[in-house]
Amino acid sequence: MTVADWLRSRTPVPPAALTARLDEVLSASLHEPAARVPIVFLEAGEQLAAELLLSNSTSRGSALDLLAADALVTYAFEAAGEMGSGIDARAEAAMQRISIIGAAQSIGG
């Protein structure tokens, strides 16, 4: 099973526009083994969130990217829970990285 297979197995199925955006964001990783979903999705979600924060993207036009970032992080933890793979450590590390992004934006913004 690949990252793409794992994503396609989710229920309920996300809306088509969100699925297309997730595929776009994850394009370089879709053929990796599904065991990498927690890491790949969390990194992609963090990257997308960072881009949105750094560009101060808060308009309606960035709604799909905000939803995609949220979905990526949610799926990362869902996969980690399914795989029993250190979800506590991942959650703490993700919170630290995301808070650093937010703090940097508030200082620089």
PDB file of N, CA and C in Angstrom:
ATOM      1  N   MET A   1       0.844  -1.176   0.000  1.00  0.00           N
ATOM      2  CA  MET A   1       0.000   0.000   0.000  1.00  0.00           C
ATOM      3  C   MET A   1       0.888   1.238   0.000  1.00  0.00           C
ATOM      4  N   THR A   2       0.503   2.225  -0.785  1.00  0.00           N
ATOM      5  CA  THR A   2       1.253   3.477  -0.897  1.00  0.00           C
ATOM      6  C   THR A   2       0.547   4.597  -0.141  1.00  0.00           C
ATOM      7  N   VAL A   3       1.205   5.731  -0.069  1.00  0.00           N
ATOM      8  CA  VAL A   3       0.604   6.932   0.516  1.00  0.00           C
ATOM      9  C   VAL A   3      -0.701   7.245  -0.208  1.00  0.00           C
ATOM     10  N   ALA A   4      -0.694   7.187  -1.535  1.00  0.00           N
ATOM     11  CA  ALA A   4      -1.909   7.461  -2.318  1.00  0.00           C
ATOM     12  C   ALA A   4      -3.015   6.464  -1.991  1.00  0.00           C
ATOM     13  N   ASP A   5      -2.665   5.182  -1.869  1.00  0.00           N
ATOM     14  CA  ASP A   5      -3.657   4.159  -1.519  1.00  0.00           C
ATOM     15  C   ASP A   5      -4.267   4.450  -0.151  1.00  0.00           C
ATOM     16  N   TRP A   6      -3.426   4.803   0.806  1.00  0.00           N
ATOM     17  CA  TRP A   6      -3.916   5.094   2.151  1.00  0.00           C
ATOM     18  C   TRP A   6      -4.892   6.269   2.107  1.00  0.00           C
ATOM     19  N   LEU A   7      -4.522   7.313   1.379  1.00  0.00           N
ATOM     20  CA  LEU A   7      -5.384   8.493   1.279  1.00  0.00           C
ATOM     21  C   LEU A   7      -6.727   8.130   0.639  1.00  0.00           C
ATOM     22  N   ARG A   8      -6.697   7.309  -0.381  1.00  0.00           N
ATOM     23  CA  ARG A   8      -7.934   6.905  -1.076  1.00  0.00           C
ATOM     24  C   ARG A   8      -8.823   6.005  -0.213  1.00  0.00           C
ATOM     25  N   SER A   9      -8.259   5.429   0.826  1.00  0.00           N
ATOM     26  CA  SER A   9      -9.034   4.522   1.679  1.00  0.00           C
ATOM     27  C   SER A   9      -9.815   5.260   2.769  1.00  0.00           C
ATOM     28  N   ARG A  10      -9.666   6.561   2.868  1.00  0.00           N
ATOM     29  CA  ARG A  10     -10.318   7.324   3.930  1.00  0.00           C
ATOM     30  C   ARG A  10     -11.821   7.438   3.700  1.00  0.00           C
ATOM     31  N   THR A  11     -12.556   7.313   4.775  1.00  0.00           N
ATOM     32  CA  THR A  11     -13.994   7.564   4.738  1.00  0.00           C
ATOM     33  C   THR A  11     -14.345   8.470   5.909  1.00  0.00           C
ATOM     34  N   PRO A  12     -15.185   9.428   5.699  1.00  0.00           N
ATOM     35  CA  PRO A  12     -15.814   9.736   4.422  1.00  0.00           C
ATOM     36  C   PRO A  12     -14.791  10.314   3.444  1.00  0.00           C
ATOM     37  N   VAL A  13     -15.088  10.151   2.199  1.00  0.00           N
ATOM     38  CA  VAL A  13     -14.218  10.661   1.142  1.00  0.00           C
ATOM     39  C   VAL A  13     -14.260  12.192   1.171  1.00  0.00           C
ATOM     40  N   PRO A  14     -13.093  12.839   1.164  1.00  0.00           N
ATOM     41  CA  PRO A  14     -13.097  14.309   1.161  1.00  0.00           C
ATOM     42  C   PRO A  14     -13.666  14.845  -0.153  1.00  0.00           C
ATOM     43  N   PRO A  15     -14.143  16.081  -0.140  1.00  0.00           N
ATOM     44  CA  PRO A  15     -14.628  16.695  -1.379  1.00  0.00           C
ATOM     45  C   PRO A  15     -13.553  16.664  -2.475  1.00  0.00           C
ATOM     46  N   ALA A  16     -14.005  16.646  -3.716  1.00  0.00           N
ATOM     47  CA  ALA A  16     -13.088  16.524  -4.865  1.00  0.00           C
ATOM     48  C   ALA A  16     -12.012  17.608  -4.873  1.00  0.00           C
ATOM     49  N   ALA A  17     -12.384  18.841  -4.577  1.00  0.00           N
ATOM     50  CA  ALA A  17     -11.406  19.931  -4.608  1.00  0.00           C
ATOM     51  C   ALA A  17     -10.326  19.725  -3.549  1.00  0.00           C
ATOM     52  N   LEU A  18     -10.715  19.248  -2.378  1.00  0.00           N
ATOM     53  CA  LEU A  18      -9.736  18.995  -1.322  1.00  0.00           C
ATOM     54  C   LEU A  18      -8.840  17.820  -1.694  1.00  0.00           C
ATOM     55  N   THR A  19      -9.423  16.769  -2.250  1.00  0.00           N
ATOM     56  CA  THR A  19      -8.628  15.619  -2.692  1.00  0.00           C
ATOM     57  C   THR A  19      -7.594  16.054  -3.728  1.00  0.00           C
ATOM     58  N   ALA A  20      -8.012  16.872  -4.674  1.00  0.00           N
ATOM     59  CA  ALA A  20      -7.092  17.346  -5.713  1.00  0.00           C
ATOM     60  C   ALA A  20      -5.960  18.173  -5.106  1.00  0.00           C
ATOM     61  N   ARG A  21      -6.283  19.020  -4.120  1.00  0.00           N
ATOM     62  CA  ARG A  21      -5.250  19.846  -3.491  1.00  0.00           C
ATOM     63  C   ARG A  21      -4.291  18.982  -2.679  1.00  0.00           C
ATOM     64  N   LEU A  22      -4.822  17.980  -1.967  1.00  0.00           N
ATOM     65  CA  LEU A  22      -3.955  17.069  -1.214  1.00  0.00           C
ATOM     66  C   LEU A  22      -3.022  16.322  -2.161  1.00  0.00           C
ATOM     67  N   ASP A  23      -3.559  15.855  -3.283  1.00  0.00           N
ATOM     68  CA  ASP A  23      -2.716  15.175  -4.275  1.00  0.00           C
ATOM     69  C   ASP A  23      -1.611  16.090  -4.775  1.00  0.00           C
ATOM     70  N   GLU A  24      -1.944  17.352  -4.981  1.00  0.00           N
ATOM     71  CA  GLU A  24      -0.956  18.318  -5.465  1.00  0.00           C
ATOM     72  C   GLU A  24       0.144  18.545  -4.428  1.00  0.00           C
ATOM     73  N   VAL A  25      -0.264  18.752  -3.194  1.00  0.00           N
ATOM     74  CA  VAL A  25       0.704  19.001  -2.121  1.00  0.00           C
ATOM     75  C   VAL A  25       1.590  17.781  -1.879  1.00  0.00           C
ATOM     76  N   LEU A  26       1.002  16.600  -1.995  1.00  0.00           N
ATOM     77  CA  LEU A  26       1.721  15.353  -1.717  1.00  0.00           C
ATOM     78  C   LEU A  26       2.334  14.706  -2.954  1.00  0.00           C
ATOM     79  N   SER A  27       2.296  15.365  -4.078  1.00  0.00           N
ATOM     80  CA  SER A  27       2.663  14.742  -5.356  1.00  0.00           C
ATOM     81  C   SER A  27       3.997  14.006  -5.331  1.00  0.00           C
ATOM     82  N   ALA A  28       4.993  14.542  -4.660  1.00  0.00           N
ATOM     83  CA  ALA A  28       6.309  13.893  -4.633  1.00  0.00           C
ATOM     84  C   ALA A  28       6.340  12.654  -3.747  1.00  0.00           C
ATOM     85  N   SER A  29       5.317  12.478  -2.918  1.00  0.00           N
ATOM     86  CA  SER A  29       5.332  11.382  -1.937  1.00  0.00           C
ATOM     87  C   SER A  29       4.244  10.344  -2.138  1.00  0.00           C
ATOM     88  N   LEU A  30       3.398  10.509  -3.131  1.00  0.00           N
ATOM     89  CA  LEU A  30       2.238   9.627  -3.289  1.00  0.00           C
ATOM     90  C   LEU A  30       2.605   8.159  -3.493  1.00  0.00           C
ATOM     91  N   HIS A  31       3.792   7.892  -4.020  1.00  0.00           N
ATOM     92  CA  HIS A  31       4.180   6.502  -4.290  1.00  0.00           C
ATOM     93  C   HIS A  31       5.051   5.898  -3.190  1.00  0.00           C
ATOM     94  N   GLU A  32       5.265   6.651  -2.114  1.00  0.00           N
ATOM     95  CA  GLU A  32       6.025   6.113  -0.984  1.00  0.00           C
ATOM     96  C   GLU A  32       5.179   5.093  -0.234  1.00  0.00           C
ATOM     97  N   PRO A  33       5.801   4.245   0.567  1.00  0.00           N
ATOM     98  CA  PRO A  33       5.042   3.257   1.344  1.00  0.00           C
ATOM     99  C   PRO A  33       4.100   3.939   2.339  1.00  0.00           C
ATOM    100  N   ALA A  34       2.939   3.338   2.552  1.00  0.00           N
ATOM    101  CA  ALA A  34       1.939   3.893   3.463  1.00  0.00           C
ATOM    102  C   ALA A  34       2.477   4.056   4.883  1.00  0.00           C
ATOM    103  N   ALA A  35       3.469   3.288   5.263  1.00  0.00           N
ATOM    104  CA  ALA A  35       4.055   3.418   6.600  1.00  0.00           C
ATOM    105  C   ALA A  35       4.620   4.815   6.840  1.00  0.00           C
ATOM    106  N   ARG A  36       4.878   5.543   5.765  1.00  0.00           N
ATOM    107  CA  ARG A  36       5.426   6.899   5.881  1.00  0.00           C
ATOM    108  C   ARG A  36       4.354   7.975   5.982  1.00  0.00           C
ATOM    109  N   VAL A  37       3.081   7.598   5.909  1.00  0.00           N
ATOM    110  CA  VAL A  37       1.995   8.583   5.945  1.00  0.00           C
ATOM    111  C   VAL A  37       2.114   9.539   7.129  1.00  0.00           C
ATOM    112  N   PRO A  38       2.308   9.070   8.366  1.00  0.00           N
ATOM    113  CA  PRO A  38       2.365  10.035   9.473  1.00  0.00           C
ATOM    114  C   PRO A  38       3.434  11.111   9.281  1.00  0.00           C
ATOM    115  N   ILE A  39       4.588  10.710   8.834  1.00  0.00           N
ATOM    116  CA  ILE A  39       5.691  11.658   8.653  1.00  0.00           C
ATOM    117  C   ILE A  39       5.444  12.564   7.451  1.00  0.00           C
ATOM    118  N   VAL A  40       5.107  11.972   6.320  1.00  0.00           N
ATOM    119  CA  VAL A  40       4.908  12.726   5.078  1.00  0.00           C
ATOM    120  C   VAL A  40       3.776  13.742   5.232  1.00  0.00           C
ATOM    121  N   PHE A  41       2.655  13.308   5.797  1.00  0.00           N
ATOM    122  CA  PHE A  41       1.504  14.197   5.929  1.00  0.00           C
ATOM    123  C   PHE A  41       1.782  15.312   6.928  1.00  0.00           C
ATOM    124  N   LEU A  42       2.431  14.986   8.044  1.00  0.00           N
ATOM    125  CA  LEU A  42       2.721  16.011   9.038  1.00  0.00           C
ATOM    126  C   LEU A  42       3.677  17.054   8.475  1.00  0.00           C
ATOM    127  N   GLU A  43       4.712  16.604   7.797  1.00  0.00           N
ATOM    128  CA  GLU A  43       5.654  17.556   7.193  1.00  0.00           C
ATOM    129  C   GLU A  43       4.977  18.425   6.143  1.00  0.00           C
ATOM    130  N   ALA A  44       4.129  17.822   5.313  1.00  0.00           N
ATOM    131  CA  ALA A  44       3.429  18.587   4.276  1.00  0.00           C
ATOM    132  C   ALA A  44       2.459  19.584   4.901  1.00  0.00           C
ATOM    133  N   GLY A  45       1.758  19.168   5.944  1.00  0.00           N
ATOM    134  CA  GLY A  45       0.834  20.070   6.631  1.00  0.00           C
ATOM    135  C   GLY A  45       1.552  21.233   7.275  1.00  0.00           C
ATOM    136  N   GLU A  46       2.674  20.944   7.914  1.00  0.00           N
ATOM    137  CA  GLU A  46       3.475  22.011   8.525  1.00  0.00           C
ATOM    138  C   GLU A  46       3.984  22.984   7.473  1.00  0.00           C
ATOM    139  N   GLN A  47       4.470  22.456   6.356  1.00  0.00           N
ATOM    140  CA  GLN A  47       4.999  23.304   5.290  1.00  0.00           C
ATOM    141  C   GLN A  47       3.912  24.209   4.730  1.00  0.00           C
ATOM    142  N   LEU A  48       2.748  23.639   4.480  1.00  0.00           N
ATOM    143  CA  LEU A  48       1.639  24.430   3.942  1.00  0.00           C
ATOM    144  C   LEU A  48       1.196  25.486   4.946  1.00  0.00           C
ATOM    145  N   ALA A  49       1.096  25.129   6.234  1.00  0.00           N
ATOM    146  CA  ALA A  49       0.726  26.095   7.268  1.00  0.00           C
ATOM    147  C   ALA A  49       1.755  27.219   7.354  1.00  0.00           C
ATOM    148  N   ALA A  50       3.028  26.858   7.269  1.00  0.00           N
ATOM    149  CA  ALA A  50       4.087  27.865   7.316  1.00  0.00           C
ATOM    150  C   ALA A  50       3.977  28.830   6.143  1.00  0.00           C
ATOM    151  N   GLU A  51       3.742  28.296   4.956  1.00  0.00           N
ATOM    152  CA  GLU A  51       3.595  29.152   3.774  1.00  0.00           C
ATOM    153  C   GLU A  51       2.426  30.117   3.942  1.00  0.00           C
ATOM    154  N   LEU A  52       1.311  29.616   4.474  1.00  0.00           N
ATOM    155  CA  LEU A  52       0.137  30.464   4.679  1.00  0.00           C
ATOM    156  C   LEU A  52       0.416  31.550   5.711  1.00  0.00           C
ATOM    157  N   LEU A  53       1.070  31.177   6.807  1.00  0.00           N
ATOM    158  CA  LEU A  53       1.394  32.163   7.838  1.00  0.00           C
ATOM    159  C   LEU A  53       2.373  33.211   7.333  1.00  0.00           C
ATOM    160  N   LEU A  54       3.400  32.758   6.649  1.00  0.00           N
ATOM    161  CA  LEU A  54       4.423  33.695   6.173  1.00  0.00           C
ATOM    162  C   LEU A  54       3.908  34.650   5.107  1.00  0.00           C
ATOM    163  N   SER A  55       2.924  34.201   4.342  1.00  0.00           N
ATOM    164  CA  SER A  55       2.359  35.081   3.309  1.00  0.00           C
ATOM    165  C   SER A  55       1.130  35.824   3.815  1.00  0.00           C
ATOM    166  N   ASN A  56       0.830  35.648   5.109  1.00  0.00           N
ATOM    167  CA  ASN A  56      -0.326  36.295   5.729  1.00  0.00           C
ATOM    168  C   ASN A  56      -1.609  36.019   4.949  1.00  0.00           C
ATOM    169  N   SER A  57      -1.748  34.767   4.514  1.00  0.00           N
ATOM    170  CA  SER A  57      -2.899  34.360   3.706  1.00  0.00           C
ATOM    171  C   SER A  57      -4.091  34.046   4.606  1.00  0.00           C
ATOM    172  N   THR A  58      -4.961  35.024   4.730  1.00  0.00           N
ATOM    173  CA  THR A  58      -6.141  34.855   5.572  1.00  0.00           C
ATOM    174  C   THR A  58      -7.430  35.139   4.812  1.00  0.00           C
ATOM    175  N   SER A  59      -7.331  35.322   3.519  1.00  0.00           N
ATOM    176  CA  SER A  59      -8.518  35.643   2.730  1.00  0.00           C
ATOM    177  C   SER A  59      -9.277  34.378   2.350  1.00  0.00           C
ATOM    178  N   ARG A  60     -10.445  34.579   1.831  1.00  0.00           N
ATOM    179  CA  ARG A  60     -11.272  33.471   1.366  1.00  0.00           C
ATOM    180  C   ARG A  60     -10.544  32.654   0.302  1.00  0.00           C
ATOM    181  N   GLY A  61      -9.674  33.286  -0.441  1.00  0.00           N
ATOM    182  CA  GLY A  61      -8.933  32.609  -1.494  1.00  0.00           C
ATOM    183  C   GLY A  61      -7.971  31.543  -0.983  1.00  0.00           C
ATOM    184  N   SER A  62      -7.632  31.609   0.289  1.00  0.00           N
ATOM    185  CA  SER A  62      -6.718  30.608   0.840  1.00  0.00           C
ATOM    186  C   SER A  62      -7.447  29.532   1.644  1.00  0.00           C
ATOM    187  N   ALA A  63      -8.770  29.525   1.584  1.00  0.00           N
ATOM    188  CA  ALA A  63      -9.564  28.565   2.366  1.00  0.00           C
ATOM    189  C   ALA A  63      -9.206  27.116   2.031  1.00  0.00           C
ATOM    190  N   LEU A  64      -9.032  26.813   0.755  1.00  0.00           N
ATOM    191  CA  LEU A  64      -8.712  25.439   0.371  1.00  0.00           C
ATOM    192  C   LEU A  64      -7.366  25.004   0.941  1.00  0.00           C
ATOM    193  N   ASP A  65      -6.394  25.903   0.932  1.00  0.00           N
ATOM    194  CA  ASP A  65      -5.090  25.571   1.507  1.00  0.00           C
ATOM    195  C   ASP A  65      -5.184  25.400   3.020  1.00  0.00           C
ATOM    196  N   LEU A  66      -5.991  26.211   3.686  1.00  0.00           N
ATOM    197  CA  LEU A  66      -6.186  26.049   5.131  1.00  0.00           C
ATOM    198  C   LEU A  66      -6.828  24.703   5.436  1.00  0.00           C
ATOM    199  N   LEU A  67      -7.822  24.329   4.652  1.00  0.00           N
ATOM    200  CA  LEU A  67      -8.460  23.024   4.821  1.00  0.00           C
ATOM    201  C   LEU A  67      -7.476  21.889   4.546  1.00  0.00           C
ATOM    202  N   ALA A  68      -6.651  22.065   3.522  1.00  0.00           N
ATOM    203  CA  ALA A  68      -5.669  21.033   3.186  1.00  0.00           C
ATOM    204  C   ALA A  68      -4.650  20.857   4.305  1.00  0.00           C
ATOM    205  N   ALA A  69      -4.154  21.962   4.864  1.00  0.00           N
ATOM    206  CA  ALA A  69      -3.199  21.868   5.967  1.00  0.00           C
ATOM    207  C   ALA A  69      -3.829  21.151   7.159  1.00  0.00           C
ATOM    208  N   ASP A  70      -5.062  21.505   7.474  1.00  0.00           N
ATOM    209  CA  ASP A  70      -5.772  20.857   8.570  1.00  0.00           C
ATOM    210  C   ASP A  70      -5.957  19.362   8.295  1.00  0.00           C
ATOM    211  N   ALA A  71      -6.370  19.026   7.083  1.00  0.00           N
ATOM    212  CA  ALA A  71      -6.584  17.622   6.721  1.00  0.00           C
ATOM    213  C   ALA A  71      -5.285  16.827   6.798  1.00  0.00           C
ATOM    214  N   LEU A  72      -4.199  17.409   6.341  1.00  0.00           N
ATOM    215  CA  LEU A  72      -2.915  16.713   6.367  1.00  0.00           C
ATOM    216  C   LEU A  72      -2.484  16.381   7.791  1.00  0.00           C
ATOM    217  N   VAL A  73      -2.604  17.340   8.686  1.00  0.00           N
ATOM    218  CA  VAL A  73      -2.207  17.102  10.072  1.00  0.00           C
ATOM    219  C   VAL A  73      -3.155  16.097  10.726  1.00  0.00           C
ATOM    220  N   THR A  74      -4.450  16.246  10.472  1.00  0.00           N
ATOM    221  CA  THR A  74      -5.426  15.304  11.023  1.00  0.00           C
ATOM    222  C   THR A  74      -5.156  13.889  10.533  1.00  0.00           C
ATOM    223  N   TYR A  75      -4.933  13.744   9.238  1.00  0.00           N
ATOM    224  CA  TYR A  75      -4.637  12.422   8.681  1.00  0.00           C
ATOM    225  C   TYR A  75      -3.323  11.862   9.226  1.00  0.00           C
ATOM    226  N   ALA A  76      -2.340  12.724   9.452  1.00  0.00           N
ATOM    227  CA  ALA A  76      -1.059  12.260   9.998  1.00  0.00           C
ATOM    228  C   ALA A  76      -1.277  11.587  11.344  1.00  0.00           C
ATOM    229  N   PHE A  77      -2.083  12.205  12.181  1.00  0.00           N
ATOM    230  CA  PHE A  77      -2.335  11.628  13.500  1.00  0.00           C
ATOM    231  C   PHE A  77      -3.264  10.430  13.423  1.00  0.00           C
ATOM    232  N   GLU A  78      -4.192  10.449  12.494  1.00  0.00           N
ATOM    233  CA  GLU A  78      -5.049   9.281  12.291  1.00  0.00           C
ATOM    234  C   GLU A  78      -4.195   8.071  11.899  1.00  0.00           C
ATOM    235  N   ALA A  79      -3.284   8.277  10.969  1.00  0.00           N
ATOM    236  CA  ALA A  79      -2.411   7.194  10.521  1.00  0.00           C
ATOM    237  C   ALA A  79      -1.491   6.731  11.651  1.00  0.00           C
ATOM    238  N   ALA A  80      -0.943   7.673  12.397  1.00  0.00           N
ATOM    239  CA  ALA A  80      -0.064   7.304  13.508  1.00  0.00           C
ATOM    240  C   ALA A  80      -0.825   6.473  14.534  1.00  0.00           C
ATOM    241  N   GLY A  81      -2.073   6.845  14.785  1.00  0.00           N
ATOM    242  CA  GLY A  81      -2.892   6.077  15.707  1.00  0.00           C
ATOM    243  C   GLY A  81      -3.174   4.677  15.202  1.00  0.00           C
ATOM    244  N   GLU A  82      -3.460   4.572  13.913  1.00  0.00           N
ATOM    245  CA  GLU A  82      -3.717   3.263  13.306  1.00  0.00           C
ATOM    246  C   GLU A  82      -2.485   2.375  13.351  1.00  0.00           C
ATOM    247  N   MET A  83      -1.334   2.987  13.162  1.00  0.00           N
ATOM    248  CA  MET A  83      -0.087   2.233  13.081  1.00  0.00           C
ATOM    249  C   MET A  83       0.577   2.064  14.436  1.00  0.00           C
ATOM    250  N   GLY A  84       0.037   2.755  15.455  1.00  0.00           N
ATOM    251  CA  GLY A  84       0.629   2.666  16.791  1.00  0.00           C
ATOM    252  C   GLY A  84       2.058   3.143  16.822  1.00  0.00           C
ATOM    253  N   SER A  85       2.327   4.218  16.108  1.00  0.00           N
ATOM    254  CA  SER A  85       3.718   4.632  15.918  1.00  0.00           C
ATOM    255  C   SER A  85       4.058   5.946  16.612  1.00  0.00           C
ATOM    256  N   GLY A  86       4.161   5.918  17.930  1.00  0.00           N
ATOM    257  CA  GLY A  86       4.670   7.074  18.668  1.00  0.00           C
ATOM    258  C   GLY A  86       3.873   8.336  18.499  1.00  0.00           C
ATOM    259  N   ILE A  87       2.568   8.248  18.591  1.00  0.00           N
ATOM    260  CA  ILE A  87       1.738   9.423  18.363  1.00  0.00           C
ATOM    261  C   ILE A  87       2.015  10.523  19.386  1.00  0.00           C
ATOM    262  N   ASP A  88       2.321  10.172  20.638  1.00  0.00           N
ATOM    263  CA  ASP A  88       2.586  11.183  21.662  1.00  0.00           C
ATOM    264  C   ASP A  88       3.794  12.035  21.288  1.00  0.00           C
ATOM    265  N   ALA A  89       4.876  11.384  20.908  1.00  0.00           N
ATOM    266  CA  ALA A  89       6.089  12.114  20.540  1.00  0.00           C
ATOM    267  C   ALA A  89       5.858  12.956  19.289  1.00  0.00           C
ATOM    268  N   ARG A  90       5.135  12.409  18.320  1.00  0.00           N
ATOM    269  CA  ARG A  90       4.843  13.163  17.096  1.00  0.00           C
ATOM    270  C   ARG A  90       3.995  14.395  17.404  1.00  0.00           C
ATOM    271  N   ALA A  91       3.000  14.233  18.257  1.00  0.00           N
ATOM    272  CA  ALA A  91       2.114  15.350  18.604  1.00  0.00           C
ATOM    273  C   ALA A  91       2.905  16.470  19.268  1.00  0.00           C
ATOM    274  N   GLU A  92       3.746  16.117  20.207  1.00  0.00           N
ATOM    275  CA  GLU A  92       4.530  17.142  20.899  1.00  0.00           C
ATOM    276  C   GLU A  92       5.481  17.850  19.942  1.00  0.00           C
ATOM    277  N   ALA A  93       6.168  17.092  19.108  1.00  0.00           N
ATOM    278  CA  ALA A  93       7.097  17.696  18.154  1.00  0.00           C
ATOM    279  C   ALA A  93       6.358  18.594  17.169  1.00  0.00           C
ATOM    280  N   ALA A  94       5.200  18.147  16.692  1.00  0.00           N
ATOM    281  CA  ALA A  94       4.420  18.955  15.750  1.00  0.00           C
ATOM    282  C   ALA A  94       3.952  20.248  16.401  1.00  0.00           C
ATOM    283  N   MET A  95       3.464  20.162  17.637  1.00  0.00           N
ATOM    284  CA  MET A  95       3.015  21.375  18.331  1.00  0.00           C
ATOM    285  C   MET A  95       4.159  22.360  18.495  1.00  0.00           C
ATOM    286  N   GLN A  96       5.343  21.861  18.810  1.00  0.00           N
ATOM    287  CA  GLN A  96       6.489  22.751  18.975  1.00  0.00           C
ATOM    288  C   GLN A  96       6.850  23.428  17.658  1.00  0.00           C
ATOM    289  N   ARG A  97       6.886  22.647  16.574  1.00  0.00           N
ATOM    290  CA  ARG A  97       7.255  23.227  15.277  1.00  0.00           C
ATOM    291  C   ARG A  97       6.210  24.228  14.806  1.00  0.00           C
ATOM    292  N   ILE A  98       4.938  23.894  14.944  1.00  0.00           N
ATOM    293  CA  ILE A  98       3.878  24.793  14.484  1.00  0.00           C
ATOM    294  C   ILE A  98       3.848  26.061  15.341  1.00  0.00           C
ATOM    295  N   SER A  99       4.085  25.941  16.642  1.00  0.00           N
ATOM    296  CA  SER A  99       4.090  27.138  17.489  1.00  0.00           C
ATOM    297  C   SER A  99       5.272  28.043  17.150  1.00  0.00           C
ATOM    298  N   ILE A 100       6.394  27.453  16.756  1.00  0.00           N
ATOM    299  CA  ILE A 100       7.544  28.254  16.341  1.00  0.00           C
ATOM    300  C   ILE A 100       7.204  29.055  15.086  1.00  0.00           C
ATOM    301  N   ILE A 101       6.507  28.416  14.156  1.00  0.00           N
ATOM    302  CA  ILE A 101       6.087  29.109  12.931  1.00  0.00           C
ATOM    303  C   ILE A 101       5.181  30.282  13.291  1.00  0.00           C
ATOM    304  N   GLY A 102       4.192  30.026  14.154  1.00  0.00           N
ATOM    305  CA  GLY A 102       3.266  31.080  14.568  1.00  0.00           C
ATOM    306  C   GLY A 102       3.964  32.208  15.301  1.00  0.00           C
ATOM    307  N   ALA A 103       4.893  31.869  16.193  1.00  0.00           N
ATOM    308  CA  ALA A 103       5.617  32.889  16.941  1.00  0.00           C
ATOM    309  C   ALA A 103       6.484  33.730  16.007  1.00  0.00           C
ATOM    310  N   ALA A 104       7.134  33.086  15.066  1.00  0.00           N
ATOM    311  CA  ALA A 104       7.971  33.829  14.115  1.00  0.00           C
ATOM    312  C   ALA A 104       7.132  34.778  13.300  1.00  0.00           C
ATOM    313  N   GLN A 105       5.930  34.347  12.924  1.00  0.00           N
ATOM    314  CA  GLN A 105       5.050  35.196  12.125  1.00  0.00           C
ATOM    315  C   GLN A 105       4.581  36.386  12.949  1.00  0.00           C
ATOM    316  N   SER A 106       4.244  36.184  14.219  1.00  0.00           N
ATOM    317  CA  SER A 106       3.746  37.292  15.038  1.00  0.00           C
ATOM    318  C   SER A 106       4.851  38.304  15.323  1.00  0.00           C
ATOM    319  N   ILE A 107       6.084  37.838  15.425  1.00  0.00           N
ATOM    320  CA  ILE A 107       7.220  38.743  15.644  1.00  0.00           C
ATOM    321  C   ILE A 107       7.537  39.507  14.377  1.00  0.00           C
ATOM    322  N   GLY A 108       7.562  38.793  13.259  1.00  0.00           N
ATOM    323  CA  GLY A 108       7.919  39.423  11.990  1.00  0.00           C
ATOM    324  C   GLY A 108       6.757  40.117  11.320  1.00  0.00           C
ATOM    325  N   GLY A 109       5.506  39.770  11.679  1.00  0.00           N
ATOM    326  CA  GLY A 109       4.331  40.281  10.992  1.00  0.00           C
ATOM    327  C   GLY A 109       3.841  41.515  11.567  1.00  0.00           C
TER     328      GLY A 109
END
